[in-house]
Amino acid sequence: MKGRMSTEYGSVEIDNMAIAQYAGSEAMECFGIVGMASVSVKDGLVKLLQKNNLNHGINVTVNDNKLTVDFHIIVAYGVSIQTVARNLIDSVTYKLEKYTGFKVEKINIYVEDVRVID
């Protein structure tokens, strides 16, 4: 379901993929996140996504103009996962609410892998 709002000038629809792409770009700005992950259910493999495919590691659900966002992330080795998650939640919640005008109801974070950064 797409996010929809009505204004005095008409209605606005925001596609979930557009929200996911924006959320992925904002998430990549957070310290400790190496990238988004694509999980192959068939093989159980985790793959680091390229910057142009960030939305594949993110699932956005819109219900009554409230967003639920699932992030599948890869974190840097040696950082506090709790701190990275808190930073991601705070930053992305603020940016998505400002960007879309919708309330972020829930953010779920799935740490799929840990990688050493060179």
N, C-alpha and C. Protein backbone atom coordinates (compact mmCIF):
# COMPACT_ATOMS: atom_id res chain seq x y z
N MET A 1 0.84 -1.18 0.00
CA MET A 1 0.00 0.00 0.00
C MET A 1 0.88 1.24 0.00
N LYS A 2 0.55 2.18 -0.83
CA LYS A 2 1.29 3.43 -0.91
C LYS A 2 0.81 4.40 0.16
N GLY A 3 1.73 5.28 0.57
CA GLY A 3 1.34 6.35 1.48
C GLY A 3 0.59 7.41 0.70
N ARG A 4 -0.47 7.90 1.26
CA ARG A 4 -1.29 8.90 0.56
C ARG A 4 -1.69 9.99 1.53
N MET A 5 -1.59 11.23 1.08
CA MET A 5 -2.06 12.35 1.88
C MET A 5 -2.80 13.31 0.98
N SER A 6 -3.76 13.98 1.56
CA SER A 6 -4.53 14.97 0.82
C SER A 6 -4.14 16.36 1.30
N THR A 7 -3.98 17.25 0.34
CA THR A 7 -3.68 18.64 0.66
C THR A 7 -4.74 19.52 0.01
N GLU A 8 -4.65 20.79 0.25
CA GLU A 8 -5.61 21.71 -0.36
C GLU A 8 -5.46 21.78 -1.87
N TYR A 9 -4.32 21.32 -2.39
CA TYR A 9 -4.05 21.37 -3.83
C TYR A 9 -4.32 20.04 -4.54
N GLY A 10 -4.58 18.99 -3.77
CA GLY A 10 -4.80 17.67 -4.35
C GLY A 10 -4.22 16.60 -3.45
N SER A 11 -4.01 15.42 -4.01
CA SER A 11 -3.47 14.33 -3.20
C SER A 11 -2.05 13.98 -3.64
N VAL A 12 -1.31 13.40 -2.70
CA VAL A 12 0.07 13.00 -2.94
C VAL A 12 0.19 11.52 -2.57
N GLU A 13 0.78 10.72 -3.46
CA GLU A 13 1.06 9.33 -3.18
C GLU A 13 2.57 9.13 -3.20
N ILE A 14 3.07 8.41 -2.21
CA ILE A 14 4.50 8.11 -2.14
C ILE A 14 4.65 6.60 -2.19
N ASP A 15 5.37 6.12 -3.18
CA ASP A 15 5.59 4.70 -3.35
C ASP A 15 6.53 4.16 -2.27
N ASN A 16 6.29 2.94 -1.83
CA ASN A 16 7.12 2.32 -0.80
C ASN A 16 8.59 2.22 -1.22
N MET A 17 8.83 1.99 -2.50
CA MET A 17 10.22 1.88 -2.99
C MET A 17 10.94 3.21 -2.88
N ALA A 18 10.24 4.31 -3.08
CA ALA A 18 10.86 5.63 -2.94
C ALA A 18 11.22 5.88 -1.47
N ILE A 19 10.35 5.48 -0.57
CA ILE A 19 10.62 5.62 0.86
C ILE A 19 11.79 4.74 1.25
N ALA A 20 11.82 3.51 0.73
CA ALA A 20 12.91 2.58 1.05
C ALA A 20 14.25 3.10 0.54
N GLN A 21 14.27 3.65 -0.66
CA GLN A 21 15.51 4.19 -1.22
C GLN A 21 16.03 5.35 -0.37
N TYR A 22 15.14 6.23 0.04
CA TYR A 22 15.53 7.36 0.88
C TYR A 22 16.02 6.87 2.24
N ALA A 23 15.30 5.92 2.83
CA ALA A 23 15.70 5.37 4.13
C ALA A 23 17.06 4.70 4.04
N GLY A 24 17.32 3.99 2.96
CA GLY A 24 18.62 3.34 2.76
C GLY A 24 19.74 4.33 2.63
N SER A 25 19.50 5.42 1.92
CA SER A 25 20.52 6.47 1.78
C SER A 25 20.84 7.11 3.12
N GLU A 26 19.81 7.35 3.91
CA GLU A 26 20.01 7.94 5.23
C GLU A 26 20.71 6.96 6.18
N ALA A 27 20.36 5.68 6.09
CA ALA A 27 20.98 4.67 6.94
C ALA A 27 22.47 4.56 6.66
N MET A 28 22.86 4.70 5.41
CA MET A 28 24.28 4.59 5.05
C MET A 28 25.11 5.73 5.64
N GLU A 29 24.47 6.81 6.04
CA GLU A 29 25.16 7.93 6.67
C GLU A 29 25.46 7.66 8.14
N CYS A 30 24.85 6.64 8.72
CA CYS A 30 25.03 6.34 10.13
C CYS A 30 26.35 5.62 10.37
N PHE A 31 27.07 6.04 11.40
CA PHE A 31 28.34 5.43 11.76
C PHE A 31 28.15 3.96 12.13
N GLY A 32 29.03 3.12 11.63
CA GLY A 32 29.01 1.71 11.99
C GLY A 32 28.25 0.82 11.04
N ILE A 33 27.55 1.40 10.08
CA ILE A 33 26.82 0.59 9.10
C ILE A 33 27.67 0.46 7.84
N VAL A 34 27.98 -0.78 7.50
CA VAL A 34 28.78 -1.07 6.31
C VAL A 34 27.89 -1.03 5.07
N GLY A 35 26.66 -1.54 5.21
CA GLY A 35 25.74 -1.54 4.08
C GLY A 35 24.47 -2.27 4.40
N MET A 36 23.61 -2.33 3.39
CA MET A 36 22.36 -3.08 3.49
C MET A 36 22.65 -4.50 3.02
N ALA A 37 21.86 -5.44 3.54
CA ALA A 37 22.08 -6.85 3.21
C ALA A 37 20.89 -7.41 2.46
N SER A 38 21.19 -8.26 1.52
CA SER A 38 20.17 -9.04 0.84
C SER A 38 20.36 -10.47 1.29
N VAL A 39 19.32 -11.06 1.83
CA VAL A 39 19.40 -12.42 2.36
C VAL A 39 18.73 -13.37 1.39
N SER A 40 19.46 -14.38 0.97
CA SER A 40 18.90 -15.42 0.11
C SER A 40 18.31 -16.50 1.00
N VAL A 41 17.00 -16.61 1.01
CA VAL A 41 16.33 -17.59 1.84
C VAL A 41 16.71 -19.00 1.39
N LYS A 42 16.84 -19.17 0.11
CA LYS A 42 17.17 -20.48 -0.45
C LYS A 42 18.53 -20.98 0.04
N ASP A 43 19.54 -20.11 -0.03
CA ASP A 43 20.90 -20.50 0.31
C ASP A 43 21.31 -20.10 1.71
N GLY A 44 20.57 -19.19 2.32
CA GLY A 44 20.95 -18.69 3.63
C GLY A 44 22.16 -17.77 3.57
N LEU A 45 22.45 -17.23 2.40
CA LEU A 45 23.61 -16.36 2.21
C LEU A 45 23.23 -14.90 2.38
N VAL A 46 24.18 -14.13 2.91
CA VAL A 46 23.99 -12.69 3.07
C VAL A 46 24.91 -12.00 2.07
N LYS A 47 24.35 -11.06 1.31
CA LYS A 47 25.12 -10.36 0.29
C LYS A 47 25.06 -8.86 0.55
N LEU A 48 26.22 -8.21 0.53
CA LEU A 48 26.29 -6.76 0.66
C LEU A 48 25.77 -6.14 -0.62
N LEU A 49 24.80 -5.24 -0.49
CA LEU A 49 24.20 -4.61 -1.66
C LEU A 49 24.98 -3.39 -2.10
N GLN A 50 24.99 -3.13 -3.39
CA GLN A 50 25.60 -1.94 -3.94
C GLN A 50 24.73 -0.73 -3.61
N LYS A 51 25.30 0.45 -3.70
CA LYS A 51 24.58 1.67 -3.33
C LYS A 51 23.30 1.90 -4.15
N ASN A 52 23.27 1.43 -5.39
CA ASN A 52 22.07 1.64 -6.21
C ASN A 52 20.98 0.59 -5.93
N ASN A 53 21.24 -0.39 -5.06
CA ASN A 53 20.25 -1.41 -4.71
C ASN A 53 19.91 -1.39 -3.22
N LEU A 54 20.08 -0.27 -2.56
CA LEU A 54 19.86 -0.20 -1.12
C LEU A 54 18.45 -0.58 -0.71
N ASN A 55 17.48 -0.28 -1.56
CA ASN A 55 16.09 -0.53 -1.19
C ASN A 55 15.77 -2.02 -1.10
N HIS A 56 16.63 -2.90 -1.63
CA HIS A 56 16.38 -4.34 -1.54
C HIS A 56 16.63 -4.87 -0.13
N GLY A 57 17.39 -4.16 0.67
CA GLY A 57 17.62 -4.57 2.05
C GLY A 57 16.65 -3.93 3.03
N ILE A 58 15.65 -3.25 2.48
CA ILE A 58 14.70 -2.51 3.31
C ILE A 58 13.28 -2.84 2.87
N ASN A 59 12.43 -3.08 3.84
CA ASN A 59 11.02 -3.32 3.56
C ASN A 59 10.20 -2.23 4.25
N VAL A 60 9.38 -1.55 3.49
CA VAL A 60 8.54 -0.47 4.02
C VAL A 60 7.08 -0.88 3.92
N THR A 61 6.36 -0.72 5.02
CA THR A 61 4.93 -0.97 5.05
C THR A 61 4.24 0.31 5.50
N VAL A 62 3.21 0.71 4.76
CA VAL A 62 2.43 1.89 5.12
C VAL A 62 1.03 1.44 5.50
N ASN A 63 0.61 1.83 6.70
CA ASN A 63 -0.72 1.48 7.17
C ASN A 63 -1.31 2.71 7.86
N ASP A 64 -2.37 3.26 7.28
CA ASP A 64 -2.99 4.49 7.80
C ASP A 64 -1.97 5.62 7.92
N ASN A 65 -1.12 5.75 6.91
CA ASN A 65 -0.07 6.78 6.86
C ASN A 65 0.89 6.70 8.04
N LYS A 66 1.10 5.50 8.56
CA LYS A 66 2.13 5.23 9.56
C LYS A 66 3.09 4.23 8.95
N LEU A 67 4.38 4.51 9.08
CA LEU A 67 5.39 3.69 8.46
C LEU A 67 5.96 2.64 9.41
N THR A 68 6.16 1.45 8.90
CA THR A 68 6.95 0.41 9.56
C THR A 68 8.07 0.08 8.60
N VAL A 69 9.31 0.15 9.09
CA VAL A 69 10.46 -0.05 8.22
C VAL A 69 11.32 -1.17 8.80
N ASP A 70 11.65 -2.15 7.96
CA ASP A 70 12.55 -3.24 8.33
C ASP A 70 13.88 -3.02 7.62
N PHE A 71 14.96 -2.96 8.39
CA PHE A 71 16.31 -2.82 7.84
C PHE A 71 17.07 -4.13 8.02
N HIS A 72 17.68 -4.62 6.96
CA HIS A 72 18.60 -5.75 7.03
C HIS A 72 19.98 -5.16 6.78
N ILE A 73 20.79 -5.08 7.86
CA ILE A 73 22.04 -4.33 7.77
C ILE A 73 23.26 -5.21 8.04
N ILE A 74 24.39 -4.70 7.60
CA ILE A 74 25.70 -5.26 7.92
C ILE A 74 26.43 -4.19 8.70
N VAL A 75 26.92 -4.55 9.88
CA VAL A 75 27.61 -3.58 10.74
C VAL A 75 29.11 -3.82 10.72
N ALA A 76 29.84 -2.78 11.10
CA ALA A 76 31.29 -2.84 11.15
C ALA A 76 31.72 -3.62 12.39
N TYR A 77 32.77 -4.39 12.25
CA TYR A 77 33.32 -5.15 13.37
C TYR A 77 33.88 -4.19 14.41
N GLY A 78 33.60 -4.45 15.68
CA GLY A 78 34.17 -3.68 16.77
C GLY A 78 33.33 -2.52 17.27
N VAL A 79 32.19 -2.26 16.62
CA VAL A 79 31.33 -1.18 17.10
C VAL A 79 30.19 -1.79 17.92
N SER A 80 29.62 -0.98 18.78
CA SER A 80 28.49 -1.43 19.60
C SER A 80 27.25 -1.52 18.72
N ILE A 81 26.72 -2.72 18.58
CA ILE A 81 25.52 -2.91 17.75
C ILE A 81 24.35 -2.13 18.34
N GLN A 82 24.27 -2.07 19.65
CA GLN A 82 23.18 -1.33 20.29
C GLN A 82 23.27 0.16 19.96
N THR A 83 24.48 0.71 19.98
CA THR A 83 24.66 2.13 19.66
C THR A 83 24.35 2.40 18.19
N VAL A 84 24.80 1.52 17.32
CA VAL A 84 24.52 1.68 15.89
C VAL A 84 23.02 1.63 15.64
N ALA A 85 22.33 0.68 16.28
CA ALA A 85 20.88 0.54 16.10
C ALA A 85 20.14 1.77 16.61
N ARG A 86 20.52 2.26 17.78
CA ARG A 86 19.87 3.45 18.36
C ARG A 86 20.08 4.67 17.45
N ASN A 87 21.30 4.83 16.93
CA ASN A 87 21.61 5.93 16.02
C ASN A 87 20.79 5.82 14.73
N LEU A 88 20.69 4.60 14.20
CA LEU A 88 19.91 4.37 12.99
C LEU A 88 18.43 4.71 13.21
N ILE A 89 17.89 4.24 14.31
CA ILE A 89 16.47 4.50 14.61
C ILE A 89 16.21 6.00 14.75
N ASP A 90 17.04 6.68 15.55
CA ASP A 90 16.83 8.12 15.78
C ASP A 90 16.97 8.92 14.49
N SER A 91 18.03 8.65 13.75
CA SER A 91 18.31 9.43 12.54
C SER A 91 17.26 9.19 11.46
N VAL A 92 16.98 7.93 11.18
CA VAL A 92 16.04 7.61 10.10
C VAL A 92 14.61 8.02 10.46
N THR A 93 14.23 7.86 11.71
CA THR A 93 12.89 8.29 12.13
C THR A 93 12.71 9.78 11.86
N TYR A 94 13.66 10.57 12.31
CA TYR A 94 13.58 12.02 12.11
C TYR A 94 13.53 12.37 10.63
N LYS A 95 14.43 11.79 9.85
CA LYS A 95 14.52 12.14 8.42
C LYS A 95 13.28 11.66 7.64
N LEU A 96 12.79 10.45 7.93
CA LEU A 96 11.61 9.96 7.21
C LEU A 96 10.37 10.77 7.54
N GLU A 97 10.19 11.13 8.79
CA GLU A 97 9.02 11.94 9.16
C GLU A 97 9.08 13.30 8.49
N LYS A 98 10.27 13.87 8.41
CA LYS A 98 10.43 15.17 7.75
C LYS A 98 10.23 15.04 6.24
N TYR A 99 10.75 13.97 5.65
CA TYR A 99 10.71 13.75 4.20
C TYR A 99 9.30 13.42 3.71
N THR A 100 8.60 12.52 4.43
CA THR A 100 7.31 12.03 3.94
C THR A 100 6.11 12.73 4.56
N GLY A 101 6.27 13.24 5.78
CA GLY A 101 5.13 13.79 6.49
C GLY A 101 4.33 12.73 7.22
N PHE A 102 4.76 11.48 7.14
CA PHE A 102 4.09 10.37 7.82
C PHE A 102 4.80 10.08 9.13
N LYS A 103 4.09 9.51 10.09
CA LYS A 103 4.66 9.11 11.37
C LYS A 103 5.33 7.75 11.22
N VAL A 104 6.53 7.62 11.76
CA VAL A 104 7.20 6.32 11.79
C VAL A 104 6.71 5.59 13.03
N GLU A 105 5.99 4.50 12.82
CA GLU A 105 5.42 3.74 13.92
C GLU A 105 6.44 2.76 14.50
N LYS A 106 7.22 2.12 13.62
CA LYS A 106 8.15 1.10 14.10
C LYS A 106 9.31 0.94 13.12
N ILE A 107 10.51 0.74 13.67
CA ILE A 107 11.67 0.38 12.88
C ILE A 107 12.23 -0.91 13.45
N ASN A 108 12.31 -1.92 12.59
CA ASN A 108 12.89 -3.21 12.97
C ASN A 108 14.26 -3.32 12.32
N ILE A 109 15.26 -3.72 13.09
CA ILE A 109 16.61 -3.84 12.57
C ILE A 109 17.06 -5.29 12.70
N TYR A 110 17.50 -5.85 11.58
CA TYR A 110 18.02 -7.21 11.54
C TYR A 110 19.49 -7.12 11.15
N VAL A 111 20.38 -7.44 12.08
CA VAL A 111 21.81 -7.44 11.79
C VAL A 111 22.12 -8.77 11.14
N GLU A 112 22.43 -8.74 9.87
CA GLU A 112 22.64 -9.96 9.09
C GLU A 112 24.10 -10.41 9.06
N ASP A 113 25.03 -9.47 9.30
CA ASP A 113 26.44 -9.83 9.22
C ASP A 113 27.27 -8.76 9.88
N VAL A 114 28.50 -9.11 10.20
CA VAL A 114 29.48 -8.18 10.74
C VAL A 114 30.70 -8.27 9.85
N ARG A 115 31.23 -7.13 9.42
CA ARG A 115 32.37 -7.11 8.51
C ARG A 115 33.48 -6.21 9.05
N VAL A 116 34.70 -6.61 8.77
CA VAL A 116 35.86 -5.80 9.12
C VAL A 116 36.03 -4.77 8.01
N ILE A 117 36.21 -3.52 8.43
CA ILE A 117 36.40 -2.43 7.47
C ILE A 117 37.90 -2.19 7.33
N ASP A 118 38.37 -2.11 6.08
CA ASP A 118 39.81 -1.86 5.83
C ASP A 118 40.17 -0.44 6.12
